[in-house]
């Protein structure tokens, strides 16, 4: 029953009940060995919170192909190269996307930040923000202090919790890390902080 409910939740992510609702782009990594766990415990929670708060959630991946893992099947709305960041009021990156920190992803987050769009990233995805130079002079969260990494050299490590510095919001602990380490999962707080950041800009 739990898996069925999760499947129904994820199937409803792409449905927008209000076409005028502010839009948030949620980017998912394909091919993760923990894909089902991430979709159920991280992406599902983020999407549910956003939708219950009146936001329209659009999911994108590199290829746009159907994601399948265990009992979960999810069709993204867009490929990365089809995204027009001007269409969105917020961007959120779940964990496990650090190996996607290539030019396209870096360009996406830089473009969002340059336009004043709040950007939220959790655990591994914080690396993308670092590579994009968005952590320079800003406080950030990560499960470890990455100050010795050249990409993080300009950032200010501020622990594993959720940290907001301007329009950049980071969380050091995703559900998988929480399960493995016992640290507090930041998924809910990260998403709620993004919502607050978007609303403060649209008042």
N, C-alpha and C. Protein backbone atom coordinates (compact mmCIF):
# COMPACT_ATOMS: atom_id res chain seq x y z
N UNK A 1 0.83 -1.20 0.00
CA UNK A 1 0.00 0.00 0.00
C UNK A 1 0.86 1.26 0.00
N UNK A 2 1.95 1.25 0.80
CA UNK A 2 2.83 2.41 0.86
C UNK A 2 3.43 2.71 -0.51
N UNK A 3 3.88 1.66 -1.20
CA UNK A 3 4.48 1.86 -2.52
C UNK A 3 3.43 2.36 -3.52
N UNK A 4 2.20 1.87 -3.40
CA UNK A 4 1.13 2.32 -4.28
C UNK A 4 0.87 3.80 -4.07
N UNK A 5 0.84 4.24 -2.81
CA UNK A 5 0.61 5.64 -2.51
C UNK A 5 1.73 6.50 -3.05
N UNK A 6 2.97 6.02 -2.93
CA UNK A 6 4.11 6.76 -3.46
C UNK A 6 4.01 6.89 -4.97
N UNK A 7 3.58 5.80 -5.62
CA UNK A 7 3.43 5.81 -7.08
C UNK A 7 2.36 6.81 -7.49
N UNK A 8 1.25 6.83 -6.76
CA UNK A 8 0.18 7.77 -7.08
C UNK A 8 0.66 9.20 -6.88
N UNK A 9 1.42 9.43 -5.82
CA UNK A 9 1.96 10.76 -5.56
C UNK A 9 2.86 11.21 -6.69
N UNK A 10 3.77 10.35 -7.09
CA UNK A 10 4.71 10.72 -8.14
C UNK A 10 4.01 10.88 -9.49
N UNK A 11 2.96 10.11 -9.71
CA UNK A 11 2.22 10.23 -10.96
C UNK A 11 1.49 11.57 -11.04
N UNK A 12 1.17 12.14 -9.88
CA UNK A 12 0.43 13.40 -9.86
C UNK A 12 1.33 14.61 -9.86
N UNK A 13 2.63 14.41 -9.79
CA UNK A 13 3.56 15.53 -9.73
C UNK A 13 3.40 16.44 -10.94
N UNK A 14 3.21 15.84 -12.10
CA UNK A 14 3.20 16.61 -13.33
C UNK A 14 1.87 17.28 -13.61
N UNK A 15 0.88 17.04 -12.75
CA UNK A 15 -0.44 17.62 -12.96
C UNK A 15 -0.53 18.97 -12.27
N UNK A 16 -0.90 19.98 -12.97
CA UNK A 16 -1.06 21.31 -12.39
C UNK A 16 -2.55 21.64 -12.32
N UNK A 17 -3.02 21.98 -11.12
CA UNK A 17 -4.42 22.29 -10.96
C UNK A 17 -4.70 23.77 -11.25
N UNK A 18 -3.67 24.59 -11.25
CA UNK A 18 -3.84 26.02 -11.46
C UNK A 18 -2.76 26.49 -12.41
N UNK A 19 -3.16 26.78 -13.65
CA UNK A 19 -2.18 27.14 -14.68
C UNK A 19 -1.52 28.47 -14.39
N UNK A 20 -2.10 29.26 -13.48
CA UNK A 20 -1.50 30.54 -13.14
C UNK A 20 -0.57 30.44 -11.93
N UNK A 21 -0.44 29.22 -11.38
CA UNK A 21 0.38 29.03 -10.19
C UNK A 21 1.85 29.29 -10.51
N UNK A 22 2.61 29.84 -9.55
CA UNK A 22 4.05 30.01 -9.77
C UNK A 22 4.71 28.66 -10.00
N UNK A 23 5.73 28.65 -10.86
CA UNK A 23 6.33 27.39 -11.28
C UNK A 23 7.72 27.19 -10.66
N UNK A 24 7.97 25.96 -10.26
CA UNK A 24 9.28 25.57 -9.74
C UNK A 24 9.81 24.42 -10.60
N UNK A 25 11.05 24.54 -11.02
CA UNK A 25 11.71 23.49 -11.79
C UNK A 25 12.46 22.57 -10.85
N UNK A 26 12.19 21.27 -10.96
CA UNK A 26 12.85 20.26 -10.15
C UNK A 26 13.63 19.35 -11.09
N UNK A 27 14.95 19.32 -10.90
CA UNK A 27 15.80 18.54 -11.81
C UNK A 27 16.21 17.23 -11.15
N UNK A 28 16.04 16.12 -11.87
CA UNK A 28 16.34 14.79 -11.33
C UNK A 28 17.47 14.13 -12.10
N UNK A 29 18.33 13.46 -11.39
CA UNK A 29 19.38 12.66 -12.03
C UNK A 29 18.81 11.32 -12.47
N UNK A 30 19.20 10.90 -13.67
CA UNK A 30 18.84 9.58 -14.17
C UNK A 30 19.95 8.58 -13.82
N UNK A 31 19.56 7.32 -13.66
CA UNK A 31 20.55 6.27 -13.51
C UNK A 31 21.16 6.11 -12.14
N UNK A 32 20.61 6.78 -11.14
CA UNK A 32 21.14 6.63 -9.79
C UNK A 32 20.83 5.23 -9.26
N UNK A 33 21.78 4.58 -8.57
CA UNK A 33 21.49 3.27 -7.98
C UNK A 33 20.46 3.36 -6.85
N UNK A 34 20.24 4.56 -6.33
CA UNK A 34 19.23 4.78 -5.28
C UNK A 34 18.02 5.52 -5.83
N UNK A 35 17.74 5.36 -7.13
CA UNK A 35 16.70 6.16 -7.77
C UNK A 35 15.34 6.00 -7.11
N UNK A 36 14.92 4.77 -6.86
CA UNK A 36 13.59 4.57 -6.25
C UNK A 36 13.53 5.23 -4.88
N UNK A 37 14.59 5.07 -4.10
CA UNK A 37 14.62 5.68 -2.77
C UNK A 37 14.55 7.20 -2.88
N UNK A 38 15.31 7.79 -3.82
CA UNK A 38 15.32 9.24 -3.99
C UNK A 38 13.96 9.75 -4.45
N UNK A 39 13.35 9.06 -5.44
CA UNK A 39 12.06 9.50 -5.94
C UNK A 39 10.99 9.45 -4.85
N UNK A 40 11.03 8.42 -4.05
CA UNK A 40 10.02 8.24 -3.02
C UNK A 40 10.22 9.18 -1.83
N UNK A 41 11.46 9.27 -1.35
CA UNK A 41 11.71 9.97 -0.09
C UNK A 41 12.18 11.41 -0.22
N UNK A 42 12.63 11.79 -1.41
CA UNK A 42 13.13 13.15 -1.58
C UNK A 42 12.30 13.91 -2.62
N UNK A 43 12.31 13.44 -3.85
CA UNK A 43 11.56 14.10 -4.92
C UNK A 43 10.07 14.12 -4.60
N UNK A 44 9.54 13.02 -4.12
CA UNK A 44 8.12 12.96 -3.77
C UNK A 44 7.75 13.95 -2.70
N UNK A 45 8.59 14.07 -1.65
CA UNK A 45 8.31 15.02 -0.57
C UNK A 45 8.39 16.46 -1.07
N UNK A 46 9.45 16.76 -1.82
CA UNK A 46 9.61 18.11 -2.35
C UNK A 46 8.40 18.51 -3.19
N UNK A 47 7.99 17.62 -4.08
CA UNK A 47 6.87 17.89 -4.98
C UNK A 47 5.57 18.06 -4.21
N UNK A 48 5.35 17.21 -3.25
CA UNK A 48 4.10 17.29 -2.47
C UNK A 48 4.02 18.61 -1.71
N UNK A 49 5.11 19.00 -1.06
CA UNK A 49 5.11 20.25 -0.30
C UNK A 49 4.88 21.44 -1.21
N UNK A 50 5.56 21.45 -2.35
CA UNK A 50 5.41 22.56 -3.29
C UNK A 50 3.99 22.64 -3.83
N UNK A 51 3.43 21.52 -4.23
CA UNK A 51 2.09 21.51 -4.79
C UNK A 51 1.04 21.88 -3.74
N UNK A 52 1.20 21.39 -2.52
CA UNK A 52 0.26 21.75 -1.47
C UNK A 52 0.34 23.22 -1.10
N UNK A 53 1.48 23.84 -1.43
CA UNK A 53 1.67 25.27 -1.15
C UNK A 53 1.28 26.14 -2.34
N UNK A 54 0.70 25.53 -3.38
CA UNK A 54 0.18 26.28 -4.50
C UNK A 54 1.12 26.46 -5.67
N UNK A 55 2.19 25.66 -5.73
CA UNK A 55 3.15 25.78 -6.81
C UNK A 55 2.93 24.69 -7.86
N UNK A 56 3.27 25.04 -9.09
CA UNK A 56 3.24 24.10 -10.21
C UNK A 56 4.66 23.55 -10.36
N UNK A 57 4.83 22.24 -10.24
CA UNK A 57 6.15 21.62 -10.29
C UNK A 57 6.40 21.01 -11.66
N UNK A 58 7.50 21.40 -12.29
CA UNK A 58 7.92 20.83 -13.57
C UNK A 58 9.18 20.02 -13.34
N UNK A 59 9.18 18.78 -13.79
CA UNK A 59 10.35 17.91 -13.61
C UNK A 59 11.12 17.80 -14.92
N UNK A 60 12.44 17.95 -14.80
CA UNK A 60 13.31 17.83 -15.97
C UNK A 60 14.45 16.86 -15.68
N UNK A 61 14.94 16.23 -16.73
CA UNK A 61 16.13 15.38 -16.66
C UNK A 61 16.99 15.68 -17.89
N UNK A 62 18.15 15.06 -17.94
CA UNK A 62 19.01 15.26 -19.12
C UNK A 62 18.31 14.78 -20.39
N UNK A 63 17.78 13.56 -20.37
CA UNK A 63 17.23 12.96 -21.59
C UNK A 63 15.73 13.16 -21.77
N UNK A 64 15.00 13.37 -20.67
CA UNK A 64 13.54 13.46 -20.74
C UNK A 64 12.86 12.11 -20.84
N UNK A 65 13.63 11.02 -20.76
CA UNK A 65 13.06 9.68 -20.88
C UNK A 65 12.41 9.24 -19.56
N UNK A 66 11.51 8.26 -19.65
CA UNK A 66 10.80 7.76 -18.48
C UNK A 66 11.79 7.19 -17.46
N UNK A 67 11.59 7.54 -16.19
CA UNK A 67 12.40 7.01 -15.10
C UNK A 67 11.68 5.80 -14.52
N UNK A 68 12.38 4.68 -14.45
CA UNK A 68 11.78 3.46 -13.90
C UNK A 68 12.73 2.85 -12.89
N UNK A 69 12.19 2.54 -11.72
CA UNK A 69 12.97 1.86 -10.69
C UNK A 69 12.02 1.19 -9.73
N UNK A 70 12.12 -0.12 -9.61
CA UNK A 70 11.22 -0.85 -8.73
C UNK A 70 9.78 -0.65 -9.15
N UNK A 71 8.96 -0.16 -8.23
CA UNK A 71 7.54 0.07 -8.52
C UNK A 71 7.27 1.46 -9.06
N UNK A 72 8.31 2.29 -9.18
CA UNK A 72 8.12 3.69 -9.57
C UNK A 72 8.36 3.88 -11.06
N UNK A 73 7.49 4.64 -11.69
CA UNK A 73 7.66 5.03 -13.09
C UNK A 73 7.23 6.48 -13.21
N UNK A 74 8.11 7.32 -13.76
CA UNK A 74 7.83 8.76 -13.83
C UNK A 74 8.33 9.32 -15.16
N UNK A 75 7.45 10.04 -15.86
CA UNK A 75 7.81 10.68 -17.13
C UNK A 75 8.08 12.16 -16.89
N UNK A 76 9.32 12.61 -17.04
CA UNK A 76 9.63 14.04 -16.87
C UNK A 76 8.91 14.88 -17.93
N UNK A 77 8.74 16.15 -17.64
CA UNK A 77 8.09 17.05 -18.58
C UNK A 77 9.04 17.55 -19.65
N UNK A 78 10.31 17.71 -19.28
CA UNK A 78 11.26 18.35 -20.17
C UNK A 78 12.63 17.70 -20.15
N UNK A 79 13.35 17.89 -21.25
CA UNK A 79 14.79 17.63 -21.28
C UNK A 79 15.48 18.90 -20.80
N UNK A 80 16.70 18.73 -20.29
CA UNK A 80 17.44 19.88 -19.81
C UNK A 80 17.58 20.95 -20.88
N UNK A 81 17.85 20.53 -22.12
CA UNK A 81 18.07 21.53 -23.17
C UNK A 81 16.79 22.21 -23.65
N UNK A 82 15.63 21.79 -23.11
CA UNK A 82 14.36 22.42 -23.45
C UNK A 82 13.92 23.43 -22.40
N UNK A 83 14.66 23.51 -21.31
CA UNK A 83 14.27 24.38 -20.19
C UNK A 83 14.51 25.85 -20.53
N UNK A 84 13.50 26.66 -20.30
CA UNK A 84 13.64 28.12 -20.35
C UNK A 84 13.48 28.61 -18.91
N UNK A 85 14.58 28.96 -18.28
CA UNK A 85 14.54 29.29 -16.85
C UNK A 85 13.66 30.49 -16.56
N UNK A 86 13.40 31.32 -17.58
CA UNK A 86 12.52 32.48 -17.38
C UNK A 86 11.09 32.07 -17.02
N UNK A 87 10.74 30.81 -17.29
CA UNK A 87 9.39 30.34 -17.00
C UNK A 87 9.18 29.99 -15.53
N UNK A 88 10.24 30.05 -14.72
CA UNK A 88 10.16 29.54 -13.36
C UNK A 88 10.50 30.59 -12.31
N UNK A 89 9.87 30.41 -11.15
CA UNK A 89 10.14 31.30 -10.01
C UNK A 89 11.11 30.68 -9.01
N UNK A 90 11.42 29.40 -9.21
CA UNK A 90 12.35 28.72 -8.31
C UNK A 90 12.94 27.49 -8.97
N UNK A 91 14.13 27.10 -8.50
CA UNK A 91 14.83 25.90 -9.00
C UNK A 91 15.26 25.08 -7.80
N UNK A 92 14.99 23.78 -7.83
CA UNK A 92 15.40 22.92 -6.72
C UNK A 92 16.09 21.67 -7.27
N UNK A 93 17.23 21.35 -6.67
CA UNK A 93 18.05 20.22 -7.10
C UNK A 93 18.16 19.21 -5.97
N UNK A 94 17.50 18.07 -6.08
CA UNK A 94 17.68 17.02 -5.06
C UNK A 94 19.12 16.50 -5.08
N UNK A 95 19.43 15.63 -4.17
CA UNK A 95 20.78 15.06 -4.06
C UNK A 95 21.11 14.17 -5.27
N UNK A 96 22.35 13.71 -5.30
CA UNK A 96 22.82 12.71 -6.27
C UNK A 96 22.97 13.25 -7.68
N UNK A 97 23.19 14.55 -7.83
CA UNK A 97 23.40 15.08 -9.17
C UNK A 97 24.79 15.67 -9.35
N UNK A 98 25.71 15.37 -8.41
CA UNK A 98 27.02 16.01 -8.47
C UNK A 98 27.79 15.65 -9.74
N UNK A 99 27.55 14.47 -10.29
CA UNK A 99 28.26 14.10 -11.52
C UNK A 99 27.60 14.70 -12.76
N UNK A 100 26.60 15.54 -12.56
CA UNK A 100 25.96 16.24 -13.68
C UNK A 100 26.40 17.69 -13.74
N UNK A 101 27.52 18.00 -13.11
CA UNK A 101 27.95 19.39 -13.02
C UNK A 101 28.72 19.82 -14.27
N UNK A 102 28.18 19.46 -15.44
CA UNK A 102 28.77 19.87 -16.70
C UNK A 102 28.29 21.24 -17.12
N UNK A 103 28.70 21.70 -18.29
CA UNK A 103 28.38 23.06 -18.74
C UNK A 103 26.89 23.39 -18.76
N UNK A 104 26.04 22.43 -19.18
CA UNK A 104 24.61 22.72 -19.27
C UNK A 104 24.00 22.98 -17.90
N UNK A 105 24.34 22.13 -16.92
CA UNK A 105 23.79 22.32 -15.58
C UNK A 105 24.34 23.58 -14.94
N UNK A 106 25.64 23.82 -15.10
CA UNK A 106 26.25 25.03 -14.55
C UNK A 106 25.59 26.26 -15.16
N UNK A 107 25.37 26.23 -16.46
CA UNK A 107 24.73 27.35 -17.15
C UNK A 107 23.32 27.59 -16.62
N UNK A 108 22.60 26.50 -16.35
CA UNK A 108 21.23 26.62 -15.84
C UNK A 108 21.19 27.32 -14.49
N UNK A 109 22.03 26.88 -13.55
CA UNK A 109 21.98 27.47 -12.21
C UNK A 109 22.51 28.90 -12.22
N UNK A 110 23.52 29.17 -13.05
CA UNK A 110 24.04 30.53 -13.15
C UNK A 110 22.97 31.46 -13.72
N UNK A 111 22.28 31.00 -14.75
CA UNK A 111 21.22 31.80 -15.36
C UNK A 111 20.12 32.10 -14.36
N UNK A 112 19.72 31.08 -13.58
CA UNK A 112 18.68 31.28 -12.57
C UNK A 112 19.12 32.34 -11.55
N UNK A 113 20.33 32.20 -11.04
CA UNK A 113 20.83 33.13 -10.03
C UNK A 113 20.96 34.54 -10.59
N UNK A 114 21.44 34.64 -11.82
CA UNK A 114 21.60 35.96 -12.45
C UNK A 114 20.26 36.68 -12.60
N UNK A 115 19.19 35.91 -12.74
CA UNK A 115 17.86 36.49 -12.89
C UNK A 115 17.15 36.68 -11.55
N UNK A 116 17.86 36.36 -10.45
CA UNK A 116 17.28 36.54 -9.13
C UNK A 116 16.32 35.44 -8.73
N UNK A 117 16.38 34.30 -9.41
CA UNK A 117 15.50 33.16 -9.11
C UNK A 117 16.12 32.35 -7.98
N UNK A 118 15.41 32.14 -6.87
CA UNK A 118 15.97 31.35 -5.77
C UNK A 118 16.34 29.94 -6.22
N UNK A 119 17.51 29.49 -5.79
CA UNK A 119 18.03 28.17 -6.16
C UNK A 119 18.29 27.38 -4.89
N UNK A 120 17.71 26.19 -4.80
CA UNK A 120 17.90 25.32 -3.64
C UNK A 120 18.58 24.03 -4.08
N UNK A 121 19.57 23.58 -3.32
CA UNK A 121 20.29 22.35 -3.66
C UNK A 121 20.56 21.55 -2.40
N UNK A 122 20.48 20.24 -2.54
CA UNK A 122 20.68 19.35 -1.39
C UNK A 122 21.86 18.41 -1.61
N UNK A 123 22.71 18.32 -0.59
CA UNK A 123 23.83 17.38 -0.53
C UNK A 123 24.68 17.41 -1.81
N UNK A 124 24.70 16.31 -2.57
CA UNK A 124 25.56 16.23 -3.74
C UNK A 124 25.35 17.35 -4.75
N UNK A 125 24.14 17.88 -4.84
CA UNK A 125 23.86 18.94 -5.80
C UNK A 125 24.50 20.27 -5.42
N UNK A 126 24.90 20.40 -4.17
CA UNK A 126 25.58 21.63 -3.74
C UNK A 126 26.88 21.80 -4.54
N UNK A 127 27.45 20.68 -4.98
CA UNK A 127 28.68 20.72 -5.78
C UNK A 127 28.45 21.50 -7.07
N UNK A 128 27.26 21.37 -7.66
CA UNK A 128 26.95 22.10 -8.88
C UNK A 128 27.01 23.60 -8.63
N UNK A 129 26.45 24.04 -7.50
CA UNK A 129 26.48 25.46 -7.17
C UNK A 129 27.91 25.94 -6.96
N UNK A 130 28.73 25.09 -6.34
CA UNK A 130 30.13 25.45 -6.13
C UNK A 130 30.86 25.59 -7.45
N UNK A 131 30.66 24.64 -8.35
CA UNK A 131 31.33 24.69 -9.65
C UNK A 131 30.86 25.88 -10.48
N UNK A 132 29.64 26.32 -10.20
CA UNK A 132 29.09 27.47 -10.92
C UNK A 132 29.55 28.80 -10.32
N UNK A 133 30.27 28.74 -9.20
CA UNK A 133 30.74 29.95 -8.55
C UNK A 133 29.68 30.66 -7.72
N UNK A 134 28.54 30.00 -7.48
CA UNK A 134 27.44 30.63 -6.76
C UNK A 134 27.63 30.64 -5.25
N UNK A 135 28.65 29.94 -4.76
CA UNK A 135 28.89 29.91 -3.31
C UNK A 135 29.98 30.90 -2.89
N UNK A 136 30.56 31.60 -3.84
CA UNK A 136 31.61 32.56 -3.52
C UNK A 136 31.08 33.65 -2.59
N UNK A 137 31.69 33.74 -1.40
CA UNK A 137 31.27 34.75 -0.43
C UNK A 137 29.99 34.41 0.29
N UNK A 138 29.47 33.20 0.08
CA UNK A 138 28.19 32.81 0.70
C UNK A 138 28.35 31.63 1.64
N UNK A 139 27.48 31.59 2.64
CA UNK A 139 27.43 30.44 3.54
C UNK A 139 26.72 29.30 2.82
N UNK A 140 27.19 28.07 3.09
CA UNK A 140 26.57 26.91 2.47
C UNK A 140 26.57 25.74 3.44
N UNK A 141 25.68 24.77 3.16
CA UNK A 141 25.61 23.54 3.96
C UNK A 141 26.09 22.37 3.11
N UNK A 142 26.72 21.41 3.77
CA UNK A 142 27.15 20.17 3.14
C UNK A 142 27.39 19.17 4.25
N UNK A 143 27.39 17.89 3.92
CA UNK A 143 27.59 16.90 4.99
C UNK A 143 29.02 16.89 5.51
N UNK A 144 29.96 17.49 4.74
CA UNK A 144 31.34 17.64 5.19
C UNK A 144 31.81 19.06 4.85
N UNK A 145 32.84 19.51 5.54
CA UNK A 145 33.43 20.81 5.23
C UNK A 145 34.30 20.64 3.99
N UNK A 146 33.90 21.27 2.89
CA UNK A 146 34.61 21.11 1.62
C UNK A 146 35.55 22.28 1.33
N UNK A 147 35.94 23.00 2.36
CA UNK A 147 36.77 24.19 2.16
C UNK A 147 38.07 23.89 1.44
N UNK A 148 38.57 22.66 1.57
CA UNK A 148 39.82 22.30 0.90
C UNK A 148 39.66 22.03 -0.59
N UNK A 149 38.42 21.95 -1.06
CA UNK A 149 38.15 21.74 -2.48
C UNK A 149 38.19 23.09 -3.19
N UNK A 150 38.98 23.22 -4.26
CA UNK A 150 39.08 24.51 -4.96
C UNK A 150 37.73 25.10 -5.38
N UNK A 151 36.78 24.25 -5.74
CA UNK A 151 35.48 24.75 -6.16
C UNK A 151 34.74 25.46 -5.02
N UNK A 152 35.05 25.06 -3.79
CA UNK A 152 34.38 25.63 -2.62
C UNK A 152 35.21 26.71 -1.93
N UNK A 153 36.35 27.05 -2.50
CA UNK A 153 37.31 27.93 -1.83
C UNK A 153 36.71 29.28 -1.43
N UNK A 154 35.79 29.79 -2.23
CA UNK A 154 35.21 31.09 -1.92
C UNK A 154 34.00 31.04 -1.01
N UNK A 155 33.55 29.82 -0.65
CA UNK A 155 32.36 29.67 0.18
C UNK A 155 32.67 29.62 1.65
N UNK A 156 31.63 29.71 2.46
CA UNK A 156 31.77 29.68 3.92
C UNK A 156 30.95 28.51 4.45
N UNK A 157 31.63 27.46 4.88
CA UNK A 157 30.93 26.27 5.35
C UNK A 157 30.16 26.58 6.63
N UNK A 158 28.90 26.16 6.68
CA UNK A 158 28.05 26.50 7.82
C UNK A 158 27.27 25.28 8.33
N UNK A 159 27.86 24.11 8.23
CA UNK A 159 27.26 22.92 8.82
C UNK A 159 26.43 22.08 7.87
N UNK A 160 25.73 21.08 8.46
CA UNK A 160 24.98 20.10 7.66
C UNK A 160 23.51 20.46 7.50
N UNK A 161 23.03 21.44 8.25
CA UNK A 161 21.61 21.78 8.19
C UNK A 161 21.27 22.58 6.96
N UNK A 162 20.10 23.22 6.99
CA UNK A 162 19.68 24.06 5.87
C UNK A 162 20.20 25.48 6.08
N UNK A 163 20.83 26.02 5.05
CA UNK A 163 21.43 27.36 5.12
C UNK A 163 20.92 28.20 3.97
N UNK A 164 20.42 29.39 4.28
CA UNK A 164 19.98 30.34 3.25
C UNK A 164 20.90 31.55 3.28
N UNK A 165 21.44 31.89 2.13
CA UNK A 165 22.25 33.10 2.01
C UNK A 165 21.82 33.80 0.74
N UNK A 166 21.01 34.82 0.89
CA UNK A 166 20.42 35.47 -0.28
C UNK A 166 19.44 34.54 -0.97
N UNK A 167 19.61 34.37 -2.27
CA UNK A 167 18.70 33.48 -3.02
C UNK A 167 19.26 32.06 -3.13
N UNK A 168 20.40 31.80 -2.50
CA UNK A 168 21.01 30.48 -2.53
C UNK A 168 20.67 29.73 -1.24
N UNK A 169 20.07 28.55 -1.40
CA UNK A 169 19.63 27.74 -0.25
C UNK A 169 20.25 26.36 -0.38
N UNK A 170 20.91 25.90 0.66
CA UNK A 170 21.57 24.60 0.60
C UNK A 170 21.22 23.75 1.82
N UNK A 171 21.28 22.45 1.61
CA UNK A 171 21.05 21.47 2.68
C UNK A 171 22.13 20.41 2.58
N UNK A 172 22.74 20.07 3.70
CA UNK A 172 23.84 19.11 3.68
C UNK A 172 23.44 17.65 3.75
N UNK A 173 22.18 17.39 4.10
CA UNK A 173 21.80 15.99 4.34
C UNK A 173 20.50 15.63 3.62
N UNK A 174 20.60 14.71 2.66
CA UNK A 174 19.44 14.20 1.94
C UNK A 174 18.93 12.94 2.66
N UNK A 175 17.80 12.38 2.24
CA UNK A 175 17.26 11.19 2.89
C UNK A 175 18.24 10.01 2.90
N UNK A 176 18.97 9.81 1.81
CA UNK A 176 19.90 8.68 1.77
C UNK A 176 21.03 8.87 2.79
N UNK A 177 21.58 10.07 2.86
CA UNK A 177 22.62 10.35 3.85
C UNK A 177 22.07 10.24 5.27
N UNK A 178 20.85 10.70 5.45
CA UNK A 178 20.23 10.61 6.77
C UNK A 178 20.10 9.15 7.21
N UNK A 179 19.73 8.30 6.26
CA UNK A 179 19.60 6.87 6.56
C UNK A 179 20.95 6.26 6.90
N UNK A 180 21.98 6.69 6.19
CA UNK A 180 23.31 6.11 6.37
C UNK A 180 24.06 6.67 7.57
N UNK A 181 23.79 7.93 7.93
CA UNK A 181 24.59 8.59 8.97
C UNK A 181 23.83 8.92 10.25
N UNK A 182 22.52 8.99 10.17
CA UNK A 182 21.73 9.39 11.33
C UNK A 182 21.57 10.90 11.45
N UNK A 183 22.16 11.66 10.52
CA UNK A 183 21.97 13.11 10.53
C UNK A 183 20.54 13.44 10.12
N UNK A 184 20.09 14.64 10.46
CA UNK A 184 18.72 15.04 10.14
C UNK A 184 18.56 15.30 8.65
N UNK A 185 17.54 14.71 8.05
CA UNK A 185 17.21 14.93 6.64
C UNK A 185 16.71 16.36 6.46
N UNK A 186 17.27 17.08 5.49
CA UNK A 186 16.89 18.48 5.28
C UNK A 186 15.83 18.71 4.22
N UNK A 187 15.26 17.64 3.67
CA UNK A 187 14.35 17.78 2.52
C UNK A 187 13.18 18.73 2.79
N UNK A 188 12.48 18.54 3.87
CA UNK A 188 11.30 19.35 4.16
C UNK A 188 11.69 20.81 4.40
N UNK A 189 12.70 21.02 5.25
CA UNK A 189 13.11 22.40 5.57
C UNK A 189 13.65 23.12 4.34
N UNK A 190 14.43 22.42 3.51
CA UNK A 190 14.96 23.02 2.29
C UNK A 190 13.83 23.49 1.39
N UNK A 191 12.83 22.64 1.19
CA UNK A 191 11.70 22.98 0.32
C UNK A 191 10.90 24.14 0.89
N UNK A 192 10.65 24.12 2.18
CA UNK A 192 9.89 25.20 2.81
C UNK A 192 10.65 26.52 2.75
N UNK A 193 11.97 26.45 2.88
CA UNK A 193 12.79 27.66 2.79
C UNK A 193 12.77 28.23 1.38
N UNK A 194 12.78 27.35 0.37
CA UNK A 194 12.66 27.81 -1.01
C UNK A 194 11.32 28.50 -1.23
N UNK A 195 10.25 27.92 -0.71
CA UNK A 195 8.93 28.52 -0.84
C UNK A 195 8.90 29.92 -0.24
N UNK A 196 9.47 30.06 0.93
CA UNK A 196 9.51 31.37 1.59
C UNK A 196 10.31 32.38 0.77
N UNK A 197 11.42 31.91 0.19
CA UNK A 197 12.27 32.80 -0.62
C UNK A 197 11.52 33.28 -1.86
N UNK A 198 10.78 32.36 -2.50
CA UNK A 198 10.02 32.73 -3.70
C UNK A 198 8.92 33.73 -3.33
N UNK A 199 8.21 33.46 -2.25
CA UNK A 199 7.10 34.33 -1.85
C UNK A 199 7.59 35.72 -1.46
N UNK A 200 8.77 35.79 -0.84
CA UNK A 200 9.29 37.09 -0.43
C UNK A 200 9.67 37.94 -1.64
N UNK A 201 9.97 37.28 -2.76
CA UNK A 201 10.34 38.01 -3.98
C UNK A 201 9.12 38.42 -4.81
N UNK A 202 8.00 37.74 -4.57
CA UNK A 202 6.82 38.00 -5.40
C UNK A 202 5.75 38.79 -4.68
N UNK A 203 6.06 39.28 -3.49
CA UNK A 203 5.06 40.10 -2.75
C UNK A 203 4.88 41.45 -3.43
